[in-house]
């Protein structure tokens, strides 16, 4: 959920996101919630600060790792001192990121230490004002007072996360939970280095500096989660490293000595269709396996490009439902949005999916 918050805030700031869903969520968020949450999103560095604190403080066995209601309850139960400590740590992290010499005080240098405030309210007001001015948040001096009210911070943060859950994460979480659980059970093979393990599991190679950090980490934890597409997100806490990734893209197995140079025996099927080809088919089939998404694609194939509202009218479903399902189709590469904000179906991957299935039947 904090990763979802990070990506949605990227979209609100006009930044690129790995998948299209955060852009659609940003468009659907109520304007008053966007305005109310702006100081919180700033002081929590998009949400990365909240993510760091959760990784460090949420017990490994806590249900909040796989259940939004459980995580929400944990966040809602944080006392006022802890909320202000979170704000203080966020301000510290933002200021030291922008200006490494801004703070010499070692207070709250590690997410696991975040609890109550260590400084004064005057110092906190000064620091959060500086953060809001640097993002920038309009009327930073006045709005900094909102971050000194723990009840307001808690309520607004939960309202924002609730909206992200309802508009996006609830669907993908339920759709992908079994795959995420399976990914979470994968351990490194004997003698496998950190960067090599990351590549084997995710199919992606970390940049050189991150690969070196992964190899040298005391503890390396791979965290499967939705929304990152073909991107990795690496976090560190002293000698411990977490790598967040989305498991939608399965890497092909490494060829073994004696295997064909073009395709290993483990990648062949009796039909003659390679696992690689079937893997490319999987996103389209998952997307078309939902009744509403299939109806959207068929409608677009029949009628051509349509706006969101036209799809709502013709399918007689709620607008938020259409938005969520269009986001899933965009992630699968089956539709895109043109310059006139119309939904356009990409016939090629649909045709390829159908041809692959027909080939398998022959």
Protein backbone atom coordinates (compact mmCIF):
# COMPACT_ATOMS: atom_id res chain seq x y z
CA UNK A 1 0.00 0.00 0.00
CA UNK A 2 2.76 2.55 0.71
CA UNK A 3 4.26 1.62 -2.67
CA UNK A 4 0.87 2.30 -4.22
CA UNK A 5 0.86 5.67 -2.43
CA UNK A 6 4.32 6.43 -3.83
CA UNK A 7 3.23 5.68 -7.38
CA UNK A 8 -0.02 7.62 -7.11
CA UNK A 9 1.86 10.63 -5.76
CA UNK A 10 4.26 10.36 -8.70
CA UNK A 11 1.23 10.54 -10.97
CA UNK A 12 -0.20 13.53 -9.09
CA UNK A 13 3.14 15.29 -9.57
CA UNK A 14 3.11 14.59 -13.30
CA UNK A 15 5.91 12.03 -13.07
CA UNK A 16 6.14 8.78 -15.02
CA UNK A 17 4.91 5.56 -13.38
CA UNK A 18 5.83 1.94 -14.22
CA UNK A 19 2.20 1.02 -14.99
CA UNK A 20 -0.83 3.12 -16.00
CA UNK A 21 -3.02 2.45 -12.95
CA UNK A 22 -1.54 5.19 -10.72
CA UNK A 23 -2.32 7.75 -13.42
CA UNK A 24 -5.97 6.63 -13.48
CA UNK A 25 -6.18 6.67 -9.68
CA UNK A 26 -4.74 10.18 -9.62
CA UNK A 27 -7.42 11.30 -12.04
CA UNK A 28 -10.20 9.79 -9.89
CA UNK A 29 -9.08 10.97 -6.45
CA UNK A 30 -11.43 13.63 -5.05
CA UNK A 31 -9.92 17.11 -5.40
CA UNK A 32 -10.43 17.88 -1.71
CA UNK A 33 -8.54 14.71 -0.72
CA UNK A 34 -5.68 15.59 -3.08
CA UNK A 35 -5.44 19.02 -1.49
CA UNK A 36 -5.79 17.78 2.10
CA UNK A 37 -3.15 15.07 1.66
CA UNK A 38 -0.56 17.26 -0.09
CA UNK A 39 1.42 18.13 3.08
CA UNK A 40 1.40 14.49 4.23
CA UNK A 41 2.53 13.20 0.85
CA UNK A 42 5.33 15.76 0.89
CA UNK A 43 6.65 15.15 4.40
CA UNK A 44 6.47 11.38 3.86
CA UNK A 45 8.47 11.75 0.60
CA UNK A 46 5.65 10.46 -1.63
CA UNK A 47 5.12 7.63 0.88
CA UNK A 48 8.63 6.16 0.87
CA UNK A 49 9.11 7.19 4.51
CA UNK A 50 5.95 5.33 5.54
CA UNK A 51 7.14 2.28 3.60
CA UNK A 52 10.54 2.35 5.29
CA UNK A 53 8.97 2.56 8.74
CA UNK A 54 6.54 -0.28 8.03
CA UNK A 55 9.30 -2.54 6.74
CA UNK A 56 11.31 -1.84 9.86
CA UNK A 57 8.55 -1.95 12.47
CA UNK A 58 5.69 -4.17 11.28
CA UNK A 59 6.39 -7.62 12.79
CA UNK A 60 7.17 -10.26 10.12
CA UNK A 61 4.25 -12.42 11.22
CA UNK A 62 1.74 -9.52 11.21
CA UNK A 63 -1.30 -9.98 8.96
CA UNK A 64 -0.81 -6.42 7.73
CA UNK A 65 1.76 -7.70 5.23
CA UNK A 66 -1.01 -9.41 3.27
CA UNK A 67 -4.22 -7.74 4.47
CA UNK A 68 -5.13 -4.07 4.07
CA UNK A 69 -7.76 -4.19 6.88
CA UNK A 70 -5.11 -5.55 9.26
CA UNK A 71 -2.53 -2.98 8.15
CA UNK A 72 -5.12 -0.22 8.40
CA UNK A 73 -5.93 -1.24 11.95
CA UNK A 74 -2.22 -1.18 12.84
CA UNK A 75 -1.85 2.32 11.42
CA UNK A 76 -5.06 3.53 13.06
CA UNK A 77 -3.81 2.31 16.44
CA UNK A 78 -0.59 4.35 16.30
CA UNK A 79 -0.70 6.82 19.18
CA UNK A 80 -0.27 10.56 18.74
CA UNK A 81 3.38 10.46 19.79
CA UNK A 82 4.16 7.86 17.13
CA UNK A 83 2.35 9.85 14.44
CA UNK A 84 4.35 12.97 15.29
CA UNK A 85 7.52 10.87 15.36
CA UNK A 86 6.68 9.68 11.84
CA UNK A 87 6.22 13.27 10.68
CA UNK A 88 9.47 14.30 12.38
CA UNK A 89 11.40 11.43 10.77
CA UNK A 90 9.87 12.27 7.39
CA UNK A 91 10.96 15.89 7.66
CA UNK A 92 14.44 14.80 8.73
CA UNK A 93 14.69 12.34 5.82
CA UNK A 94 13.52 14.93 3.28
CA UNK A 95 15.88 17.64 4.52
CA UNK A 96 18.93 15.41 4.72
CA UNK A 97 18.18 14.03 1.25
CA UNK A 98 18.02 17.52 -0.23
CA UNK A 99 20.85 18.98 1.86
CA UNK A 100 23.04 16.28 3.47
CA UNK A 101 24.54 18.82 5.90
CA UNK A 102 21.18 20.23 6.96
CA UNK A 103 21.08 18.16 10.15
CA UNK A 104 23.88 16.98 12.37
CA UNK A 105 21.53 15.53 14.97
CA UNK A 106 21.57 11.70 14.64
CA UNK A 107 17.99 11.46 15.96
CA UNK A 108 15.75 9.09 14.02
CA UNK A 109 18.35 8.19 11.44
CA UNK A 110 16.86 4.68 11.17
CA UNK A 111 13.19 3.86 10.44
CA UNK A 112 13.10 1.22 13.18
CA UNK A 113 13.74 3.95 15.79
CA UNK A 114 10.71 6.06 14.89
CA UNK A 115 8.42 6.47 17.89
CA UNK A 116 7.76 9.73 19.72
CA UNK A 117 9.19 13.13 18.84
CA UNK A 118 12.72 13.84 19.97
CA UNK A 119 12.79 17.55 19.17
CA UNK A 120 10.54 20.43 20.10
CA UNK A 121 7.29 21.38 18.39
CA UNK A 122 8.91 24.63 17.29
CA UNK A 123 11.72 22.72 15.59
CA UNK A 124 9.24 20.36 13.97
CA UNK A 125 7.16 23.28 12.68
CA UNK A 126 10.30 24.83 11.23
CA UNK A 127 11.41 21.63 9.53
CA UNK A 128 8.05 20.66 8.01
CA UNK A 129 7.63 24.20 6.70
CA UNK A 130 10.99 23.89 4.96
CA UNK A 131 9.92 20.56 3.45
CA UNK A 132 6.58 21.92 2.22
CA UNK A 133 8.30 24.91 0.67
CA UNK A 134 10.74 22.66 -1.20
CA UNK A 135 8.10 20.40 -2.79
CA UNK A 136 6.32 23.00 -3.14
CA UNK A 137 3.04 23.03 -1.21
CA UNK A 138 1.02 26.28 -1.49
CA UNK A 139 0.89 28.33 1.72
CA UNK A 140 3.54 26.10 3.28
CA UNK A 141 3.83 28.13 6.50
CA UNK A 142 0.13 27.95 7.22
CA UNK A 143 -0.31 24.34 6.18
CA UNK A 144 2.62 23.13 8.26
CA UNK A 145 0.32 23.43 11.27
CA UNK A 146 -1.74 20.53 9.87
CA UNK A 147 1.25 18.23 10.33
CA UNK A 148 1.44 19.04 14.04
CA UNK A 149 -2.10 17.72 14.55
CA UNK A 150 -1.69 13.92 14.86
CA UNK A 151 -5.42 13.22 14.52
CA UNK A 152 -5.57 15.16 11.25
CA UNK A 153 -2.45 13.39 9.92
CA UNK A 154 -3.78 9.95 10.87
CA UNK A 155 -7.26 10.52 9.43
CA UNK A 156 -6.09 12.06 6.16
CA UNK A 157 -3.43 9.40 5.60
CA UNK A 158 -5.95 6.61 6.15
CA UNK A 159 -8.48 8.32 3.87
CA UNK A 160 -5.87 8.54 1.11
CA UNK A 161 -4.82 4.90 1.51
CA UNK A 162 -8.48 3.81 1.61
CA UNK A 163 -9.06 5.56 -1.72
CA UNK A 164 -6.01 3.93 -3.31
CA UNK A 165 -7.21 0.55 -2.06
CA UNK A 166 -10.73 1.02 -3.42
CA UNK A 167 -9.70 2.51 -6.76
CA UNK A 168 -6.81 0.17 -7.51
CA UNK A 169 -5.16 -2.16 -5.02
CA UNK A 170 -8.21 -4.12 -3.88
CA UNK A 171 -8.68 -5.62 -7.33
CA UNK A 172 -5.06 -6.39 -8.14
CA UNK A 173 -4.35 -7.63 -4.62
CA UNK A 174 -7.12 -10.21 -4.71
CA UNK A 175 -6.23 -11.18 -8.29
CA UNK A 176 -2.52 -11.61 -7.55
CA UNK A 177 -2.38 -12.73 -3.91
CA UNK A 178 -1.84 -16.41 -4.68
CA UNK A 179 1.00 -15.54 -7.07
CA UNK A 180 2.51 -13.15 -4.54
CA UNK A 181 2.40 -15.83 -1.85
CA UNK A 182 4.09 -18.31 -4.19
CA UNK A 183 6.81 -15.79 -4.99
CA UNK A 184 7.35 -15.06 -1.30
CA UNK A 185 8.22 -18.73 -0.69
CA UNK A 186 11.16 -18.71 -3.12
CA UNK A 187 14.56 -18.90 -1.45
CA UNK A 188 18.03 -18.49 -2.94
CA UNK A 189 19.76 -21.62 -4.28
CA UNK A 190 23.04 -22.65 -2.62
CA UNK A 191 25.98 -20.46 -3.60
CA UNK A 192 23.78 -17.85 -5.27
CA UNK A 193 24.90 -14.25 -4.83
CA UNK A 194 22.47 -11.50 -3.91
CA UNK A 195 22.34 -9.79 -7.30
CA UNK A 196 22.10 -13.17 -9.04
CA UNK A 197 19.16 -14.16 -6.84
CA UNK A 198 17.39 -10.89 -7.65
CA UNK A 199 17.86 -11.54 -11.37
CA UNK A 200 16.73 -15.17 -11.18
CA UNK A 201 13.53 -14.33 -9.29
CA UNK A 202 12.55 -11.05 -10.97
CA UNK A 203 14.02 -11.45 -14.44
CA UNK A 204 15.58 -8.00 -14.01
CA UNK A 205 19.20 -7.02 -13.40
CA UNK A 206 19.86 -4.33 -10.79
CA UNK A 207 22.08 -1.43 -11.80
CA UNK A 208 25.74 -1.92 -10.95
CA UNK A 209 25.74 0.00 -7.66
CA UNK A 210 22.61 -1.80 -6.46
CA UNK A 211 23.90 -5.18 -7.61
CA UNK A 212 27.03 -4.62 -5.53
CA UNK A 213 24.92 -3.61 -2.52
CA UNK A 214 22.78 -6.75 -2.93
CA UNK A 215 25.88 -8.95 -3.02
CA UNK A 216 27.26 -7.34 0.15
CA UNK A 217 24.00 -7.21 2.13
CA UNK A 218 23.87 -8.98 5.48
CA UNK A 219 20.24 -9.82 4.75
CA UNK A 220 18.48 -9.52 1.40
CA UNK A 221 14.68 -9.73 1.29
CA UNK A 222 12.70 -9.89 -1.96
CA UNK A 223 9.22 -8.40 -1.59
CA UNK A 224 6.67 -9.18 -4.33
CA UNK A 225 4.01 -6.50 -4.71
CA UNK A 226 1.74 -5.10 -7.46
CA UNK A 227 2.29 -1.97 -9.51
CA UNK A 228 6.01 -1.96 -10.32
CA UNK A 229 5.85 -3.54 -13.79
CA UNK A 230 9.38 -3.93 -15.15
CA UNK A 231 10.94 -1.89 -12.35
CA UNK A 232 12.76 -2.71 -9.12
CA UNK A 233 12.60 -0.63 -5.95
CA UNK A 234 15.55 -1.11 -3.59
CA UNK A 235 15.51 0.00 0.05
CA UNK A 236 18.24 -0.32 2.63
CA UNK A 237 18.60 -0.11 6.40
CA UNK A 238 22.28 -0.25 7.32
CA UNK A 239 23.32 -3.74 6.14
CA UNK A 240 19.82 -5.02 5.32
CA UNK A 241 18.27 -4.57 1.88
CA UNK A 242 14.74 -5.06 0.56
CA UNK A 243 14.01 -5.34 -3.15
CA UNK A 244 10.41 -4.73 -4.20
CA UNK A 245 9.23 -6.08 -7.55
CA UNK A 246 6.13 -7.24 -9.39
CA UNK A 247 6.14 -10.94 -10.36
CA UNK A 248 3.99 -10.58 -13.45
CA UNK A 249 6.99 -11.14 -15.73
CA UNK A 250 8.45 -14.61 -15.28
CA UNK A 251 12.10 -15.02 -16.35
CA UNK A 252 12.96 -17.90 -18.63
CA UNK A 253 15.08 -20.60 -16.98
CA UNK A 254 18.82 -20.51 -17.59
CA UNK A 255 19.91 -22.94 -20.37
CA UNK A 256 21.88 -25.92 -19.08
CA UNK A 257 24.95 -27.46 -20.71
CA UNK A 258 23.91 -29.56 -23.68
CA UNK A 259 20.58 -27.74 -24.17
CA UNK A 260 19.72 -26.17 -27.50
CA UNK A 261 21.17 -22.71 -27.96
CA UNK A 262 17.77 -21.35 -28.90
CA UNK A 263 15.46 -23.17 -26.53
CA UNK A 264 16.03 -25.46 -23.57
CA UNK A 265 14.07 -28.74 -23.39
CA UNK A 266 12.26 -27.44 -20.30
CA UNK A 267 10.84 -24.66 -22.49
CA UNK A 268 9.29 -27.01 -25.06
CA UNK A 269 5.75 -28.33 -25.00
CA UNK A 270 4.16 -31.20 -26.91
CA UNK A 271 2.28 -28.64 -28.99
CA UNK A 272 5.56 -27.11 -30.17
CA UNK A 273 4.64 -23.78 -28.54
CA UNK A 274 7.43 -22.49 -26.34
CA UNK A 275 6.93 -21.48 -22.74
CA UNK A 276 8.27 -18.09 -23.75
CA UNK A 277 5.39 -17.65 -26.18
CA UNK A 278 2.88 -18.88 -23.63
CA UNK A 279 4.31 -16.47 -21.04
CA UNK A 280 3.70 -13.57 -23.41
CA UNK A 281 0.12 -14.79 -23.77
CA UNK A 282 -0.53 -14.94 -20.01
CA UNK A 283 -1.17 -11.19 -19.37
CA UNK A 284 -3.75 -11.05 -22.17
CA UNK A 285 -5.50 -14.20 -20.98
CA UNK A 286 -5.61 -12.99 -17.39
CA UNK A 287 -7.07 -9.69 -18.54
CA UNK A 288 -9.68 -11.31 -20.78
CA UNK A 289 -10.65 -13.80 -18.07
CA UNK A 290 -12.78 -11.17 -16.32
CA UNK A 291 -16.33 -10.77 -17.64
CA UNK A 292 -16.34 -6.96 -17.52
CA UNK A 293 -12.92 -6.63 -19.12
CA UNK A 294 -13.91 -9.04 -21.88
CA UNK A 295 -17.11 -7.04 -22.46
CA UNK A 296 -15.06 -3.83 -22.74
CA UNK A 297 -12.72 -5.35 -25.32
CA UNK A 298 -15.58 -6.81 -27.38
CA UNK A 299 -17.43 -3.48 -27.28
CA UNK A 300 -14.34 -1.63 -28.47
CA UNK A 301 -13.80 -4.17 -31.24
CA UNK A 302 -17.39 -3.66 -32.38
CA UNK A 303 -17.75 0.12 -31.97
CA UNK A 304 -14.19 1.44 -32.19
CA UNK A 305 -12.68 3.93 -29.69
CA UNK A 306 -15.01 5.00 -26.86
CA UNK A 307 -14.70 7.36 -23.90
CA UNK A 308 -15.00 6.15 -20.33
CA UNK A 309 -18.48 7.62 -20.08
CA UNK A 310 -19.59 5.92 -23.31
CA UNK A 311 -18.38 2.59 -21.95
CA UNK A 312 -20.27 3.23 -18.70
CA UNK A 313 -23.45 4.00 -20.66
CA UNK A 314 -23.28 1.03 -22.98
CA UNK A 315 -22.20 -1.54 -20.38
CA UNK A 316 -24.44 -0.20 -17.60
CA UNK A 317 -21.78 -0.52 -14.89
CA UNK A 318 -20.39 1.98 -12.41
CA UNK A 319 -17.74 4.41 -13.67
CA UNK A 320 -15.21 3.33 -11.02
CA UNK A 321 -15.61 -0.27 -12.19
CA UNK A 322 -14.95 0.68 -15.81
CA UNK A 323 -11.91 2.73 -14.76
CA UNK A 324 -10.43 -0.16 -12.78
CA UNK A 325 -11.00 -2.66 -15.56
CA UNK A 326 -9.62 -0.34 -18.24
CA UNK A 327 -6.52 0.09 -16.06
CA UNK A 328 -6.08 -3.70 -15.97
CA UNK A 329 -6.46 -3.88 -19.75
CA UNK A 330 -3.88 -1.12 -20.18
CA UNK A 331 -1.44 -2.99 -17.93
CA UNK A 332 -1.92 -6.09 -20.08
CA UNK A 333 -1.24 -4.03 -23.21
CA UNK A 334 -4.69 -4.63 -24.71
CA UNK A 335 -5.95 -1.04 -24.76
CA UNK A 336 -4.53 2.46 -24.67
CA UNK A 337 -5.88 6.00 -24.29
CA UNK A 338 -5.63 8.28 -27.31
CA UNK A 339 -5.19 12.05 -27.38
CA UNK A 340 -8.96 12.55 -27.18
CA UNK A 341 -9.14 10.49 -23.95
CA UNK A 342 -10.86 7.63 -25.78
CA UNK A 343 -10.13 3.98 -25.03
CA UNK A 344 -8.65 2.24 -28.06
CA UNK A 345 -8.23 -1.52 -28.32
CA UNK A 346 -4.92 -2.88 -29.63
CA UNK A 347 -6.00 -5.67 -31.95
CA UNK A 348 -2.55 -7.24 -32.33
CA UNK A 349 -2.19 -8.80 -28.83
CA UNK A 350 -5.83 -9.93 -28.93
CA UNK A 351 -5.26 -11.52 -32.32
CA UNK A 352 -1.99 -13.08 -31.10
CA UNK A 353 -3.74 -14.59 -28.08
CA UNK A 354 -6.43 -16.11 -30.27
CA UNK A 355 -3.92 -17.48 -32.79
CA UNK A 356 -1.78 -19.01 -30.03
CA UNK A 357 -4.78 -20.86 -28.63
CA UNK A 358 -5.78 -22.05 -32.10
CA UNK A 359 -2.24 -23.28 -32.75
CA UNK A 360 -2.33 -25.24 -29.49
CA UNK A 361 -5.56 -26.96 -30.58
CA UNK A 362 -4.12 -28.14 -33.89
